[in-house]
Amino acid sequence: MKYVCNLCGWEYDEEVGAPEMDIAPGTAFADLPEDFACPLCGAGKDEFSEA
């Protein structure tokens, strides 16, 4: 599943993870740390929607 930042459009793909943030492929969005922030704009998890 993919999630997109509502503020800047950055996309988190659970299959890919976010290697640049040391988040392994297969990591569910729900399992990301509570302090996860968009790497482009700094938005929190509550600013993401399912893509």
Protein backbone atom coordinates (compact mmCIF):
# COMPACT_ATOMS: atom_id res chain seq x y z
CA MET A 1 0.00 0.00 0.00
CA LYS A 2 1.14 3.57 -0.64
CA TYR A 3 0.62 6.69 1.42
CA VAL A 4 1.04 10.25 0.20
CA CYS A 5 1.88 13.38 2.15
CA ASN A 6 -1.06 15.76 1.92
CA LEU A 7 1.24 18.78 2.12
CA CYS A 8 3.97 18.08 -0.46
CA GLY A 9 3.05 14.88 -2.30
CA TRP A 10 5.96 12.69 -1.12
CA GLU A 11 4.91 9.06 -1.31
CA TYR A 12 5.67 6.25 1.13
CA ASP A 13 5.43 2.80 -0.46
CA GLU A 14 5.26 -0.02 2.10
CA GLU A 15 6.86 -2.46 -0.38
CA VAL A 16 9.89 -0.20 -0.87
CA GLY A 17 10.18 1.34 2.59
CA ALA A 18 12.37 4.43 2.87
CA PRO A 19 16.00 3.32 2.61
CA GLU A 20 17.22 6.91 2.96
CA MET A 21 15.59 6.94 6.41
CA ASP A 22 16.71 3.40 7.37
CA ILE A 23 13.15 2.07 7.03
CA ALA A 24 13.24 -1.46 5.64
CA PRO A 25 11.15 -2.64 2.69
CA GLY A 26 7.91 -4.23 3.86
CA THR A 27 7.47 -1.85 6.81
CA ALA A 28 3.78 -1.05 7.20
CA PHE A 29 2.87 2.63 7.51
CA ALA A 30 1.14 1.84 10.82
CA ASP A 31 4.44 0.43 12.12
CA LEU A 32 6.44 3.58 11.43
CA PRO A 33 7.58 5.39 14.59
CA GLU A 34 5.08 7.89 16.03
CA ASP A 35 7.63 10.66 15.41
CA PHE A 36 7.97 9.75 11.71
CA ALA A 37 8.06 12.88 9.57
CA CYS A 38 7.95 13.42 5.82
CA PRO A 39 11.55 13.71 4.62
CA LEU A 40 10.67 16.58 2.28
CA CYS A 41 8.45 18.87 4.35
CA GLY A 42 8.51 17.49 7.91
CA ALA A 43 4.79 16.70 8.09
CA GLY A 44 3.76 14.12 10.69
CA LYS A 45 2.01 10.79 10.06
CA ASP A 46 -1.38 12.44 10.55
CA GLU A 47 -0.79 14.44 7.36
CA PHE A 48 -0.62 11.31 5.16
CA SER A 49 -3.48 9.66 3.25
CA GLU A 50 -3.75 6.34 1.44
CA ALA A 51 -2.76 6.81 -2.19
